[in-house]
Amino acid sequence: MLTVLNLPNFLTLLRIVAIPLFLILLEDYRYGEALAVFVAAGITDGLDGAIARLTHTKTTLGAYLDPAADKLLLLSSFIALGFMHAVPRWLAVVVISRDVVIVLGYFLLFMLTQRTMQVQPSVFGKLSTFLQLTAVALVLVSLVRPDLALEPVRLVTFYVSGSITAVSGLQYMYRGLAWLAQEAPPATLESGQRTDDSPARRRRA
């Protein structure tokens, strides 16, 4: 139990617990406090991984919990900011759709093969997460300090973030299809004989 609830996992749990607080502050127009909570959550995101690597305390729970915490924070942020018209609706749709497609695809692959696919984060996946965090942070800073001329920077971040997020989603879809092609059982002939065990194939072998 102590191994599972180590310091990195505790920090990840704190990040999850902070999500409702962040949303409450955001909906109460307490943007400065919401920004502080969001920044603190981002710091714990970097700390938990660094501590786990340095202290060799990586766990299976942490491997699943850490990306789940990131997704919950980002999805809830884009949904809330989208309804507030603080981020473009199209960007919120791209971010949400990408994660929904990945999760549904993961379970679909499991249903088809009865095997679990090990999902390794890609460069585009990590970059999209960073850009999404940057986009949310810029929006929160703009809400706290509307006098700052951040509109050009925000627009560029929105378009780059949306593009990289879409590319990463397509990359994960390609990975899933490639994995399915390797793991799926071979097609069968009408006679019920496996194609890879057919007499013609054996003769060629």
Protein backbone atom coordinates (compact mmCIF):
# COMPACT_ATOMS: atom_id res chain seq x y z
CA MET A 1 0.00 0.00 0.00
CA LEU A 2 2.84 2.40 0.90
CA THR A 3 4.55 1.61 -2.40
CA VAL A 4 1.42 2.51 -4.35
CA LEU A 5 0.78 5.70 -2.37
CA ASN A 6 4.29 7.05 -2.74
CA LEU A 7 5.14 10.75 -3.15
CA PRO A 8 4.83 10.88 -6.97
CA ASN A 9 1.40 9.22 -6.90
CA PHE A 10 0.34 11.48 -4.02
CA LEU A 11 1.24 14.54 -6.10
CA THR A 12 -0.74 13.12 -9.02
CA LEU A 13 -3.75 12.62 -6.76
CA LEU A 14 -3.41 16.21 -5.56
CA ARG A 15 -3.56 17.32 -9.20
CA ILE A 16 -6.81 15.40 -9.68
CA VAL A 17 -8.29 16.83 -6.47
CA ALA A 18 -7.34 20.33 -7.64
CA ILE A 19 -9.48 20.05 -10.79
CA PRO A 20 -12.87 20.69 -9.10
CA LEU A 21 -11.34 23.59 -7.16
CA PHE A 22 -9.97 25.06 -10.39
CA LEU A 23 -13.37 24.82 -12.09
CA ILE A 24 -15.20 26.36 -9.12
CA LEU A 25 -12.80 29.31 -9.05
CA LEU A 26 -13.12 29.71 -12.81
CA GLU A 27 -16.91 29.75 -12.71
CA ASP A 28 -16.84 32.26 -9.83
CA TYR A 29 -14.73 34.62 -11.99
CA ARG A 30 -11.84 34.33 -9.54
CA TYR A 31 -9.38 34.13 -12.38
CA GLY A 32 -6.25 34.96 -10.39
CA GLU A 33 -6.85 32.11 -7.96
CA ALA A 34 -7.82 29.78 -10.80
CA LEU A 35 -4.55 30.62 -12.55
CA ALA A 36 -2.61 29.91 -9.35
CA VAL A 37 -4.27 26.50 -8.99
CA PHE A 38 -3.63 25.68 -12.65
CA VAL A 39 0.06 26.64 -12.39
CA ALA A 40 0.39 24.60 -9.19
CA ALA A 41 -1.17 21.61 -10.96
CA GLY A 42 1.30 22.03 -13.80
CA ILE A 43 4.20 22.10 -11.35
CA THR A 44 3.05 18.85 -9.73
CA ASP A 45 2.89 17.33 -13.21
CA GLY A 46 6.60 17.97 -13.65
CA LEU A 47 7.50 17.06 -10.09
CA ASP A 48 5.82 13.66 -9.87
CA GLY A 49 7.59 12.34 -12.96
CA ALA A 50 10.97 13.75 -11.93
CA ILE A 51 10.70 12.35 -8.39
CA ALA A 52 9.60 8.94 -9.68
CA ARG A 53 12.63 8.76 -11.98
CA LEU A 54 15.16 10.04 -9.44
CA THR A 55 13.93 7.84 -6.57
CA HIS A 56 13.12 4.81 -8.75
CA THR A 57 9.56 4.73 -7.40
CA LYS A 58 7.64 4.27 -10.65
CA THR A 59 4.48 2.19 -10.22
CA THR A 60 1.86 0.74 -12.54
CA LEU A 61 -0.74 2.94 -10.86
CA GLY A 62 1.34 6.03 -11.55
CA ALA A 63 1.85 5.05 -15.19
CA TYR A 64 -1.93 5.14 -15.71
CA LEU A 65 -2.82 7.84 -13.18
CA ASP A 66 -0.42 10.54 -14.38
CA PRO A 67 -1.65 10.82 -18.00
CA ALA A 68 -5.25 10.44 -16.78
CA ALA A 69 -4.77 13.42 -14.45
CA ASP A 70 -3.34 15.49 -17.32
CA LYS A 71 -6.26 14.63 -19.57
CA LEU A 72 -8.86 15.38 -16.89
CA LEU A 73 -7.28 18.76 -16.18
CA LEU A 74 -7.02 19.74 -19.84
CA LEU A 75 -10.43 18.43 -20.91
CA SER A 76 -12.21 20.14 -18.01
CA SER A 77 -10.30 23.36 -18.75
CA PHE A 78 -11.20 23.40 -22.45
CA ILE A 79 -14.83 22.50 -21.77
CA ALA A 80 -15.20 25.29 -19.19
CA LEU A 81 -13.28 27.89 -21.22
CA GLY A 82 -15.16 26.87 -24.37
CA PHE A 83 -18.51 27.56 -22.71
CA MET A 84 -17.11 30.87 -21.49
CA HIS A 85 -16.04 31.70 -25.09
CA ALA A 86 -12.51 32.23 -23.77
CA VAL A 87 -11.11 29.70 -26.25
CA PRO A 88 -12.42 29.04 -29.77
CA ARG A 89 -15.10 26.39 -29.88
CA TRP A 90 -13.29 24.61 -32.72
CA LEU A 91 -10.19 24.19 -30.57
CA ALA A 92 -12.21 22.76 -27.68
CA VAL A 93 -13.87 20.33 -30.11
CA VAL A 94 -10.49 19.22 -31.55
CA VAL A 95 -8.98 18.63 -28.09
CA ILE A 96 -12.00 16.77 -26.74
CA SER A 97 -12.60 14.73 -29.91
CA ARG A 98 -8.98 13.60 -30.07
CA ASP A 99 -9.02 12.18 -26.55
CA VAL A 100 -12.47 10.61 -26.94
CA VAL A 101 -11.39 8.88 -30.16
CA ILE A 102 -8.21 7.56 -28.50
CA VAL A 103 -10.07 6.17 -25.48
CA LEU A 104 -12.82 4.61 -27.58
CA GLY A 105 -10.25 3.18 -29.98
CA TYR A 106 -8.30 1.64 -27.10
CA PHE A 107 -11.38 -0.18 -25.80
CA LEU A 108 -12.43 -1.20 -29.31
CA LEU A 109 -9.02 -2.79 -29.88
CA PHE A 110 -9.38 -4.66 -26.61
CA MET A 111 -12.84 -5.91 -27.57
CA LEU A 112 -11.59 -7.10 -30.96
CA THR A 113 -8.42 -8.82 -29.78
CA GLN A 114 -8.93 -9.42 -26.03
CA ARG A 115 -5.45 -7.96 -25.60
CA THR A 116 -4.33 -4.64 -24.17
CA MET A 117 -2.26 -2.32 -26.31
CA GLN A 118 0.64 -0.61 -24.58
CA VAL A 119 0.25 3.07 -25.43
CA GLN A 120 3.59 4.87 -25.54
CA PRO A 121 3.44 8.67 -25.66
CA SER A 122 4.68 10.07 -28.95
CA VAL A 123 6.59 13.28 -29.60
CA PHE A 124 3.47 14.83 -31.12
CA GLY A 125 1.43 13.66 -28.13
CA LYS A 126 3.78 15.28 -25.63
CA LEU A 127 4.01 18.43 -27.73
CA SER A 128 0.22 18.69 -28.00
CA THR A 129 -0.10 18.39 -24.21
CA PHE A 130 2.48 21.15 -23.72
CA LEU A 131 0.77 23.42 -26.24
CA GLN A 132 -2.65 22.82 -24.70
CA LEU A 133 -1.30 23.70 -21.26
CA THR A 134 0.28 26.82 -22.74
CA ALA A 135 -2.97 27.81 -24.44
CA VAL A 136 -4.97 27.48 -21.21
CA ALA A 137 -2.33 29.38 -19.24
CA LEU A 138 -2.33 32.23 -21.78
CA VAL A 139 -6.12 32.46 -21.65
CA LEU A 140 -6.08 32.59 -17.84
CA VAL A 141 -3.38 35.27 -17.86
CA SER A 142 -5.48 37.28 -20.33
CA LEU A 143 -8.49 36.97 -18.02
CA VAL A 144 -6.44 38.16 -15.06
CA ARG A 145 -4.69 40.93 -17.01
CA PRO A 146 -6.92 41.95 -19.93
CA ASP A 147 -4.71 45.01 -20.45
CA LEU A 148 -1.87 42.82 -21.72
CA ALA A 149 -1.64 42.58 -25.52
CA LEU A 150 -1.62 38.79 -25.72
CA GLU A 151 -4.16 38.33 -28.49
CA PRO A 152 -1.63 37.68 -31.32
CA VAL A 153 0.29 35.19 -29.16
CA ARG A 154 -2.92 33.44 -28.15
CA LEU A 155 -4.14 33.11 -31.73
CA VAL A 156 -0.86 31.58 -32.88
CA THR A 157 -0.89 29.19 -29.91
CA PHE A 158 -4.50 28.20 -30.64
CA TYR A 159 -3.80 27.32 -34.27
CA VAL A 160 -0.52 25.54 -33.58
CA SER A 161 -2.03 23.64 -30.65
CA GLY A 162 -5.05 22.58 -32.70
CA SER A 163 -2.88 21.43 -35.60
CA ILE A 164 -0.46 19.41 -33.45
CA THR A 165 -3.36 17.92 -31.48
CA ALA A 166 -5.02 16.75 -34.70
CA VAL A 167 -1.73 15.30 -36.00
CA SER A 168 -1.12 13.44 -32.75
CA GLY A 169 -4.64 12.01 -32.88
CA LEU A 170 -4.06 10.71 -36.41
CA GLN A 171 -0.73 9.26 -35.31
CA TYR A 172 -2.33 7.33 -32.45
CA MET A 173 -5.03 6.07 -34.82
CA TYR A 174 -2.35 4.84 -37.22
CA ARG A 175 -0.54 3.10 -34.36
CA GLY A 176 -3.76 1.42 -33.29
CA LEU A 177 -4.55 0.16 -36.78
CA ALA A 178 -0.99 -1.11 -37.24
CA TRP A 179 -1.15 -2.91 -33.90
CA LEU A 180 -4.53 -4.42 -34.81
CA ALA A 181 -3.13 -5.71 -38.11
CA GLN A 182 -0.42 -7.56 -36.18
CA GLU A 183 -2.57 -8.85 -33.32
CA ALA A 184 -5.81 -9.75 -35.12
CA PRO A 185 -6.26 -13.45 -35.97
CA PRO A 186 -5.83 -14.32 -39.67
CA ALA A 187 -8.94 -14.34 -41.83
CA THR A 188 -10.64 -17.69 -42.46
CA LEU A 189 -11.77 -19.23 -45.73
CA GLU A 190 -15.32 -20.45 -46.29
CA SER A 191 -14.10 -23.98 -45.58
CA GLY A 192 -13.05 -22.83 -42.11
CA GLN A 193 -9.38 -23.36 -42.93
CA ARG A 194 -6.97 -20.62 -41.81
CA THR A 195 -5.44 -18.74 -44.69
CA ASP A 196 -1.93 -19.05 -43.29
CA ASP A 197 -2.31 -22.84 -42.99
CA SER A 198 -3.70 -23.45 -46.48
CA PRO A 199 -2.13 -26.27 -48.57
CA ALA A 200 -1.05 -23.79 -51.23
CA ARG A 201 0.81 -21.73 -48.65
CA ARG A 202 2.46 -24.85 -47.22
CA ARG A 203 3.58 -25.91 -50.72
CA ARG A 204 5.08 -22.47 -51.32
CA ALA A 205 6.86 -22.72 -47.99
